[in-house]
Amino acid sequence: MLSEKLLMFTIGALSSLKDARTMLEIHRVWNHIEMGFLSFGSSIGDVNRGLF
């Protein structure tokens, strides 16, 4: 459900892009978000290992 909205938002954003600089900025921000999710996931993994 959420991923579907995210996909639609991404498609809408990409289709309305005008210049490559905006594309690069989105890519940079997306990488930052992905890194945040990865570190968040690994910290959850650490907590799980600590509990069990």
PDB file of N, CA and C in Angstrom:
ATOM      1  N   MET A   1       0.840  -1.193   0.000  1.00  0.00           N
ATOM      2  CA  MET A   1       0.000   0.000   0.000  1.00  0.00           C
ATOM      3  C   MET A   1       0.885   1.257   0.000  1.00  0.00           C
ATOM      4  N   LEU A   2       1.773   1.333   0.986  1.00  0.00           N
ATOM      5  CA  LEU A   2       2.674   2.474   1.079  1.00  0.00           C
ATOM      6  C   LEU A   2       3.645   2.492  -0.091  1.00  0.00           C
ATOM      7  N   SER A   3       4.173   1.316  -0.438  1.00  0.00           N
ATOM      8  CA  SER A   3       5.134   1.251  -1.539  1.00  0.00           C
ATOM      9  C   SER A   3       4.467   1.634  -2.857  1.00  0.00           C
ATOM     10  N   GLU A   4       3.180   1.322  -2.996  1.00  0.00           N
ATOM     11  CA  GLU A   4       2.453   1.700  -4.209  1.00  0.00           C
ATOM     12  C   GLU A   4       2.347   3.218  -4.315  1.00  0.00           C
ATOM     13  N   LYS A   5       2.050   3.875  -3.199  1.00  0.00           N
ATOM     14  CA  LYS A   5       1.980   5.335  -3.195  1.00  0.00           C
ATOM     15  C   LYS A   5       3.350   5.930  -3.486  1.00  0.00           C
ATOM     16  N   LEU A   6       4.383   5.334  -2.895  1.00  0.00           N
ATOM     17  CA  LEU A   6       5.744   5.815  -3.114  1.00  0.00           C
ATOM     18  C   LEU A   6       6.126   5.677  -4.578  1.00  0.00           C
ATOM     19  N   LEU A   7       5.754   4.551  -5.176  1.00  0.00           N
ATOM     20  CA  LEU A   7       6.048   4.314  -6.588  1.00  0.00           C
ATOM     21  C   LEU A   7       5.336   5.339  -7.463  1.00  0.00           C
ATOM     22  N   MET A   8       4.054   5.585  -7.177  1.00  0.00           N
ATOM     23  CA  MET A   8       3.295   6.558  -7.956  1.00  0.00           C
ATOM     24  C   MET A   8       3.898   7.956  -7.802  1.00  0.00           C
ATOM     25  N   PHE A   9       4.294   8.300  -6.579  1.00  0.00           N
ATOM     26  CA  PHE A   9       4.929   9.596  -6.334  1.00  0.00           C
ATOM     27  C   PHE A   9       6.233   9.710  -7.112  1.00  0.00           C
ATOM     28  N   THR A  10       7.026   8.638  -7.093  1.00  0.00           N
ATOM     29  CA  THR A  10       8.308   8.638  -7.802  1.00  0.00           C
ATOM     30  C   THR A  10       8.096   8.805  -9.296  1.00  0.00           C
ATOM     31  N   ILE A  11       7.127   8.055  -9.847  1.00  0.00           N
ATOM     32  CA  ILE A  11       6.827   8.152 -11.278  1.00  0.00           C
ATOM     33  C   ILE A  11       6.358   9.567 -11.619  1.00  0.00           C
ATOM     34  N   GLY A  12       5.498  10.119 -10.783  1.00  0.00           N
ATOM     35  CA  GLY A  12       5.025  11.483 -11.016  1.00  0.00           C
ATOM     36  C   GLY A  12       6.161  12.488 -10.953  1.00  0.00           C
ATOM     37  N   ALA A  13       7.045  12.324  -9.975  1.00  0.00           N
ATOM     38  CA  ALA A  13       8.182  13.234  -9.833  1.00  0.00           C
ATOM     39  C   ALA A  13       9.116  13.123 -11.030  1.00  0.00           C
ATOM     40  N   LEU A  14       9.393  11.885 -11.448  1.00  0.00           N
ATOM     41  CA  LEU A  14      10.295  11.678 -12.583  1.00  0.00           C
ATOM     42  C   LEU A  14       9.713  12.247 -13.868  1.00  0.00           C
ATOM     43  N   SER A  15       8.405  12.071 -14.073  1.00  0.00           N
ATOM     44  CA  SER A  15       7.784  12.542 -15.315  1.00  0.00           C
ATOM     45  C   SER A  15       7.705  14.062 -15.358  1.00  0.00           C
ATOM     46  N   SER A  16       7.745  14.717 -14.201  1.00  0.00           N
ATOM     47  CA  SER A  16       7.658  16.176 -14.182  1.00  0.00           C
ATOM     48  C   SER A  16       9.032  16.840 -14.078  1.00  0.00           C
ATOM     49  N   LEU A  17      10.093  16.032 -14.065  1.00  0.00           N
ATOM     50  CA  LEU A  17      11.433  16.614 -13.980  1.00  0.00           C
ATOM     51  C   LEU A  17      11.789  17.350 -15.263  1.00  0.00           C
ATOM     52  N   LYS A  18      12.518  18.447 -15.110  1.00  0.00           N
ATOM     53  CA  LYS A  18      12.894  19.237 -16.275  1.00  0.00           C
ATOM     54  C   LYS A  18      14.400  19.180 -16.546  1.00  0.00           C
ATOM     55  N   ASP A  19      15.221  19.144 -15.518  1.00  0.00           N
ATOM     56  CA  ASP A  19      16.663  19.176 -15.765  1.00  0.00           C
ATOM     57  C   ASP A  19      17.396  18.085 -14.993  1.00  0.00           C
ATOM     58  N   ALA A  20      18.598  17.788 -15.446  1.00  0.00           N
ATOM     59  CA  ALA A  20      19.374  16.687 -14.875  1.00  0.00           C
ATOM     60  C   ALA A  20      19.833  16.997 -13.456  1.00  0.00           C
ATOM     61  N   ARG A  21      19.937  18.279 -13.111  1.00  0.00           N
ATOM     62  CA  ARG A  21      20.390  18.629 -11.773  1.00  0.00           C
ATOM     63  C   ARG A  21      19.377  18.179 -10.730  1.00  0.00           C
ATOM     64  N   THR A  22      18.093  18.373 -11.032  1.00  0.00           N
ATOM     65  CA  THR A  22      17.039  17.921 -10.124  1.00  0.00           C
ATOM     66  C   THR A  22      17.100  16.408  -9.975  1.00  0.00           C
ATOM     67  N   MET A  23      17.330  15.719 -11.108  1.00  0.00           N
ATOM     68  CA  MET A  23      17.449  14.269 -11.104  1.00  0.00           C
ATOM     69  C   MET A  23      18.586  13.835 -10.186  1.00  0.00           C
ATOM     70  N   LEU A  24      19.720  14.518 -10.299  1.00  0.00           N
ATOM     71  CA  LEU A  24      20.886  14.194  -9.484  1.00  0.00           C
ATOM     72  C   LEU A  24      20.583  14.431  -8.004  1.00  0.00           C
ATOM     73  N   GLU A  25      19.894  15.528  -7.716  1.00  0.00           N
ATOM     74  CA  GLU A  25      19.541  15.859  -6.332  1.00  0.00           C
ATOM     75  C   GLU A  25      18.630  14.791  -5.741  1.00  0.00           C
ATOM     76  N   ILE A  26      17.630  14.355  -6.514  1.00  0.00           N
ATOM     77  CA  ILE A  26      16.721  13.307  -6.050  1.00  0.00           C
ATOM     78  C   ILE A  26      17.497  12.020  -5.796  1.00  0.00           C
ATOM     79  N   HIS A  27      18.423  11.712  -6.694  1.00  0.00           N
ATOM     80  CA  HIS A  27      19.232  10.503  -6.541  1.00  0.00           C
ATOM     81  C   HIS A  27      20.044  10.572  -5.257  1.00  0.00           C
ATOM     82  N   ARG A  28      20.630  11.739  -4.981  1.00  0.00           N
ATOM     83  CA  ARG A  28      21.436  11.925  -3.778  1.00  0.00           C
ATOM     84  C   ARG A  28      20.563  11.764  -2.527  1.00  0.00           C
ATOM     85  N   VAL A  29      19.406  12.410  -2.542  1.00  0.00           N
ATOM     86  CA  VAL A  29      18.483  12.319  -1.407  1.00  0.00           C
ATOM     87  C   VAL A  29      18.013  10.882  -1.215  1.00  0.00           C
ATOM     88  N   TRP A  30      17.713  10.191  -2.344  1.00  0.00           N
ATOM     89  CA  TRP A  30      17.255   8.812  -2.266  1.00  0.00           C
ATOM     90  C   TRP A  30      18.327   7.928  -1.648  1.00  0.00           C
ATOM     91  N   ASN A  31      19.601   8.125  -2.070  1.00  0.00           N
ATOM     92  CA  ASN A  31      20.707   7.363  -1.497  1.00  0.00           C
ATOM     93  C   ASN A  31      20.787   7.609   0.005  1.00  0.00           C
ATOM     94  N   HIS A  32      20.601   8.866   0.417  1.00  0.00           N
ATOM     95  CA  HIS A  32      20.642   9.225   1.829  1.00  0.00           C
ATOM     96  C   HIS A  32      19.535   8.492   2.589  1.00  0.00           C
ATOM     97  N   ILE A  33      18.336   8.457   2.007  1.00  0.00           N
ATOM     98  CA  ILE A  33      17.205   7.761   2.626  1.00  0.00           C
ATOM     99  C   ILE A  33      17.501   6.268   2.738  1.00  0.00           C
ATOM    100  N   GLU A  34      18.040   5.690   1.656  1.00  0.00           N
ATOM    101  CA  GLU A  34      18.373   4.265   1.665  1.00  0.00           C
ATOM    102  C   GLU A  34      19.398   3.959   2.746  1.00  0.00           C
ATOM    103  N   MET A  35      20.421   4.786   2.870  1.00  0.00           N
ATOM    104  CA  MET A  35      21.435   4.579   3.894  1.00  0.00           C
ATOM    105  C   MET A  35      20.804   4.658   5.283  1.00  0.00           C
ATOM    106  N   GLY A  36      19.867   5.581   5.455  1.00  0.00           N
ATOM    107  CA  GLY A  36      19.163   5.701   6.726  1.00  0.00           C
ATOM    108  C   GLY A  36      18.395   4.436   7.059  1.00  0.00           C
ATOM    109  N   PHE A  37      17.708   3.881   6.054  1.00  0.00           N
ATOM    110  CA  PHE A  37      16.966   2.641   6.274  1.00  0.00           C
ATOM    111  C   PHE A  37      17.912   1.497   6.608  1.00  0.00           C
ATOM    112  N   LEU A  38      19.062   1.435   5.914  1.00  0.00           N
ATOM    113  CA  LEU A  38      20.020   0.357   6.145  1.00  0.00           C
ATOM    114  C   LEU A  38      20.576   0.434   7.560  1.00  0.00           C
ATOM    115  N   SER A  39      20.958   1.642   8.006  1.00  0.00           N
ATOM    116  CA  SER A  39      21.510   1.775   9.353  1.00  0.00           C
ATOM    117  C   SER A  39      20.426   1.528  10.395  1.00  0.00           C
ATOM    118  N   PHE A  40      19.192   1.946  10.098  1.00  0.00           N
ATOM    119  CA  PHE A  40      18.071   1.692  10.996  1.00  0.00           C
ATOM    120  C   PHE A  40      17.847   0.187  11.126  1.00  0.00           C
ATOM    121  N   GLY A  41      17.860  -0.512   9.997  1.00  0.00           N
ATOM    122  CA  GLY A  41      17.675  -1.961  10.004  1.00  0.00           C
ATOM    123  C   GLY A  41      18.790  -2.672  10.747  1.00  0.00           C
ATOM    124  N   SER A  42      20.025  -2.218  10.572  1.00  0.00           N
ATOM    125  CA  SER A  42      21.139  -2.882  11.242  1.00  0.00           C
ATOM    126  C   SER A  42      21.084  -2.623  12.746  1.00  0.00           C
ATOM    127  N   SER A  43      20.619  -1.433  13.156  1.00  0.00           N
ATOM    128  CA  SER A  43      20.507  -1.168  14.588  1.00  0.00           C
ATOM    129  C   SER A  43      19.398  -2.016  15.199  1.00  0.00           C
ATOM    130  N   ILE A  44      18.318  -2.253  14.450  1.00  0.00           N
ATOM    131  CA  ILE A  44      17.264  -3.154  14.924  1.00  0.00           C
ATOM    132  C   ILE A  44      17.828  -4.564  15.062  1.00  0.00           C
ATOM    133  N   GLY A  45      18.658  -4.966  14.084  1.00  0.00           N
ATOM    134  CA  GLY A  45      19.303  -6.276  14.150  1.00  0.00           C
ATOM    135  C   GLY A  45      20.177  -6.392  15.390  1.00  0.00           C
ATOM    136  N   ASP A  46      20.904  -5.318  15.724  1.00  0.00           N
ATOM    137  CA  ASP A  46      21.754  -5.327  16.912  1.00  0.00           C
ATOM    138  C   ASP A  46      20.910  -5.484  18.170  1.00  0.00           C
ATOM    139  N   VAL A  47      19.788  -4.777  18.221  1.00  0.00           N
ATOM    140  CA  VAL A  47      18.894  -4.874  19.377  1.00  0.00           C
ATOM    141  C   VAL A  47      18.365  -6.301  19.503  1.00  0.00           C
ATOM    142  N   ASN A  48      17.954  -6.891  18.376  1.00  0.00           N
ATOM    143  CA  ASN A  48      17.452  -8.262  18.403  1.00  0.00           C
ATOM    144  C   ASN A  48      18.516  -9.231  18.897  1.00  0.00           C
ATOM    145  N   ARG A  49      19.757  -9.056  18.446  1.00  0.00           N
ATOM    146  CA  ARG A  49      20.842  -9.929  18.901  1.00  0.00           C
ATOM    147  C   ARG A  49      21.088  -9.734  20.395  1.00  0.00           C
ATOM    148  N   GLY A  50      20.940  -8.489  20.856  1.00  0.00           N
ATOM    149  CA  GLY A  50      21.149  -8.219  22.271  1.00  0.00           C
ATOM    150  C   GLY A  50      20.061  -8.850  23.131  1.00  0.00           C
ATOM    151  N   LEU A  51      18.845  -8.945  22.597  1.00  0.00           N
ATOM    152  CA  LEU A  51      17.731  -9.479  23.371  1.00  0.00           C
ATOM    153  C   LEU A  51      17.762 -10.997  23.438  1.00  0.00           C
ATOM    154  N   PHE A  52      18.228 -11.650  22.355  1.00  0.00           N
ATOM    155  CA  PHE A  52      18.127 -13.105  22.307  1.00  0.00           C
ATOM    156  C   PHE A  52      19.475 -13.800  22.379  1.00  0.00           C
TER     157      PHE A  52
END
